[in-house]
C-alpha atoms as a PDB file:
ATOM      1  CA  MET A   1      23.090 -34.013  -2.268  1.00  0.00           C
ATOM      2  CA  ILE A   2      20.447 -34.939   0.244  1.00  0.00           C
ATOM      3  CA  GLU A   3      19.477 -38.569   0.805  1.00  0.00           C
ATOM      4  CA  VAL A   4      16.288 -39.168   2.797  1.00  0.00           C
ATOM      5  CA  SER A   5      15.635 -42.733   3.954  1.00  0.00           C
ATOM      6  CA  HIS A   6      12.221 -44.024   4.956  1.00  0.00           C
ATOM      7  CA  PRO A   7      10.687 -47.329   6.086  1.00  0.00           C
ATOM      8  CA  GLY A   8      10.332 -50.020   3.430  1.00  0.00           C
ATOM      9  CA  GLU A   9       6.985 -51.456   4.525  1.00  0.00           C
ATOM     10  CA  LYS A  10       4.529 -50.631   1.741  1.00  0.00           C
ATOM     11  CA  ILE A  11       2.147 -48.460   3.792  1.00  0.00           C
ATOM     12  CA  GLU A  12       5.000 -46.623   5.539  1.00  0.00           C
ATOM     13  CA  CYS A  13       6.734 -46.101   2.211  1.00  0.00           C
ATOM     14  CA  LEU A  14       3.603 -44.607   0.663  1.00  0.00           C
ATOM     15  CA  ARG A  15       3.013 -42.376   3.692  1.00  0.00           C
ATOM     16  CA  SER A  16       6.596 -41.158   3.540  1.00  0.00           C
ATOM     17  CA  VAL A  17       6.344 -40.389  -0.162  1.00  0.00           C
ATOM     18  CA  ALA A  18       3.072 -38.526   0.437  1.00  0.00           C
ATOM     19  CA  VAL A  19       4.612 -36.435   3.233  1.00  0.00           C
ATOM     20  CA  LEU A  20       7.563 -35.410   1.100  1.00  0.00           C
ATOM     21  CA  LEU A  21       5.397 -34.700  -1.960  1.00  0.00           C
ATOM     22  CA  THR A  22       3.019 -32.481   0.038  1.00  0.00           C
ATOM     23  CA  SER A  23       5.785 -30.680   1.924  1.00  0.00           C
ATOM     24  CA  GLY A  24       5.595 -27.662  -0.345  1.00  0.00           C
ATOM     25  CA  SER A  25       9.330 -27.829  -1.038  1.00  0.00           C
ATOM     26  CA  HIS A  26      10.253 -27.676  -4.708  1.00  0.00           C
ATOM     27  CA  PHE A  27      13.284 -29.827  -3.933  1.00  0.00           C
ATOM     28  CA  LEU A  28      11.270 -32.584  -2.253  1.00  0.00           C
ATOM     29  CA  THR A  29       8.505 -32.656  -4.832  1.00  0.00           C
ATOM     30  CA  ASN A  30      11.142 -33.147  -7.545  1.00  0.00           C
ATOM     31  CA  ALA A  31      13.211 -35.770  -5.712  1.00  0.00           C
ATOM     32  CA  ASP A  32      14.302 -39.017  -7.321  1.00  0.00           C
ATOM     33  CA  TRP A  33      13.101 -42.194  -5.587  1.00  0.00           C
ATOM     34  CA  GLY A  34      14.535 -45.713  -5.336  1.00  0.00           C
ATOM     35  CA  CYS A  35      11.409 -47.364  -3.865  1.00  0.00           C
ATOM     36  CA  LEU A  36      10.373 -49.319  -6.951  1.00  0.00           C
ATOM     37  CA  ASP A  37      13.824 -50.930  -6.919  1.00  0.00           C
ATOM     38  CA  GLY A  38      13.627 -51.764  -3.204  1.00  0.00           C
ATOM     39  CA  ASN A  39      15.890 -48.885  -2.149  1.00  0.00           C
ATOM     40  CA  HIS A  40      13.626 -46.805   0.085  1.00  0.00           C
ATOM     41  CA  LYS A  41      15.287 -43.445  -0.249  1.00  0.00           C
ATOM     42  CA  ALA A  42      14.680 -40.123  -1.946  1.00  0.00           C
ATOM     43  CA  TRP A  43      17.517 -38.052  -3.383  1.00  0.00           C
ATOM     44  CA  PHE A  44      17.667 -34.433  -4.406  1.00  0.00           C
ATOM     45  CA  THR A  45      20.343 -31.816  -4.903  1.00  0.00           C
ATOM     46  CA  MET A  46      20.321 -28.202  -3.904  1.00  0.00           C
ATOM     47  CA  GLU A  47      22.701 -25.358  -3.236  1.00  0.00           C
ATOM     48  CA  ALA A  48      22.919 -24.392   0.415  1.00  0.00           C
ATOM     49  CA  GLY A  49      25.217 -22.373   2.621  1.00  0.00           C
ATOM     50  CA  SER A  50      25.720 -25.289   5.020  1.00  0.00           C
ATOM     51  CA  LYS A  51      24.675 -28.860   5.705  1.00  0.00           C
ATOM     52  CA  GLU A  52      22.385 -27.562   8.457  1.00  0.00           C
ATOM     53  CA  GLU A  53      20.647 -25.242   5.995  1.00  0.00           C
ATOM     54  CA  ALA A  54      20.100 -28.120   3.568  1.00  0.00           C
ATOM     55  CA  LEU A  55      18.752 -30.336   6.338  1.00  0.00           C
ATOM     56  CA  ARG A  56      16.114 -27.734   7.235  1.00  0.00           C
ATOM     57  CA  VAL A  57      14.399 -28.412   3.883  1.00  0.00           C
ATOM     58  CA  VAL A  58      13.613 -31.957   5.075  1.00  0.00           C
ATOM     59  CA  PRO A  59      10.535 -32.410   7.303  1.00  0.00           C
ATOM     60  CA  PRO A  60      11.602 -32.813  10.968  1.00  0.00           C
ATOM     61  CA  ALA A  61      10.343 -36.414  11.207  1.00  0.00           C
ATOM     62  CA  PHE A  62      12.832 -37.478   8.511  1.00  0.00           C
ATOM     63  CA  ARG A  63      15.912 -35.500   9.561  1.00  0.00           C
ATOM     64  CA  ASP A  64      17.402 -38.260  11.708  1.00  0.00           C
ATOM     65  CA  ARG A  65      17.334 -40.535   8.623  1.00  0.00           C
ATOM     66  CA  THR A  66      18.835 -37.964   6.264  1.00  0.00           C
ATOM     67  CA  ILE A  67      22.383 -37.725   4.984  1.00  0.00           C
ATOM     68  CA  VAL A  68      23.620 -34.437   3.531  1.00  0.00           C
ATOM     69  CA  SER A  69      26.724 -34.748   1.355  1.00  0.00           C
ATOM     70  CA  ARG A  70      28.651 -31.871  -0.139  1.00  0.00           C
ATOM     71  CA  LEU A  71      29.393 -32.798  -3.735  1.00  0.00           C
ATOM     72  CA  ASN A  72      32.355 -31.705  -5.786  1.00  0.00           C
ATOM     73  CA  THR A  73      33.982 -32.524  -9.075  1.00  0.00           C
ATOM     74  CA  PHE A  74      37.614 -33.276  -9.825  1.00  0.00           C
ATOM     75  CA  LYS A  75      39.761 -32.604 -12.846  1.00  0.00           C
ATOM     76  CA  LEU A  76      42.726 -34.850 -13.523  1.00  0.00           C
ATOM     77  CA  SER A  77      45.029 -31.895 -12.829  1.00  0.00           C
ATOM     78  CA  ASP A  78      43.414 -31.552  -9.351  1.00  0.00           C
ATOM     79  CA  VAL A  79      44.141 -35.181  -8.575  1.00  0.00           C
ATOM     80  CA  GLU A  80      47.720 -34.892  -9.817  1.00  0.00           C
ATOM     81  CA  GLU A  81      48.284 -31.825  -7.626  1.00  0.00           C
ATOM     82  CA  LEU A  82      46.805 -33.543  -4.571  1.00  0.00           C
ATOM     83  CA  LEU A  83      48.929 -36.632  -5.163  1.00  0.00           C
ATOM     84  CA  LYS A  84      52.093 -34.480  -5.072  1.00  0.00           C
ATOM     85  CA  HIS A  85      51.284 -33.670  -1.458  1.00  0.00           C
ATOM     86  CA  HIS A  86      50.972 -37.344  -0.512  1.00  0.00           C
ATOM     87  CA  GLU A  87      54.125 -38.728  -2.068  1.00  0.00           C
END
């Protein structure tokens, strides 16, 4: 999951949204936004070979405000197995 933060001032927010929407990236043009709730971030998910590869989708001016998180799911059996190693 990629989280792209941007300034919260109204004009800066709108400029940031415009930049991401006109980036040409399918991922960025389909991002989810928190701006209307006061959380000035965009989120999108994508499959990538590395965090660096995912970060390259984000325009350079936003990369220093971007967090790339590798997501995973757990099954209860996974948690039980992991707990065995910590007891």
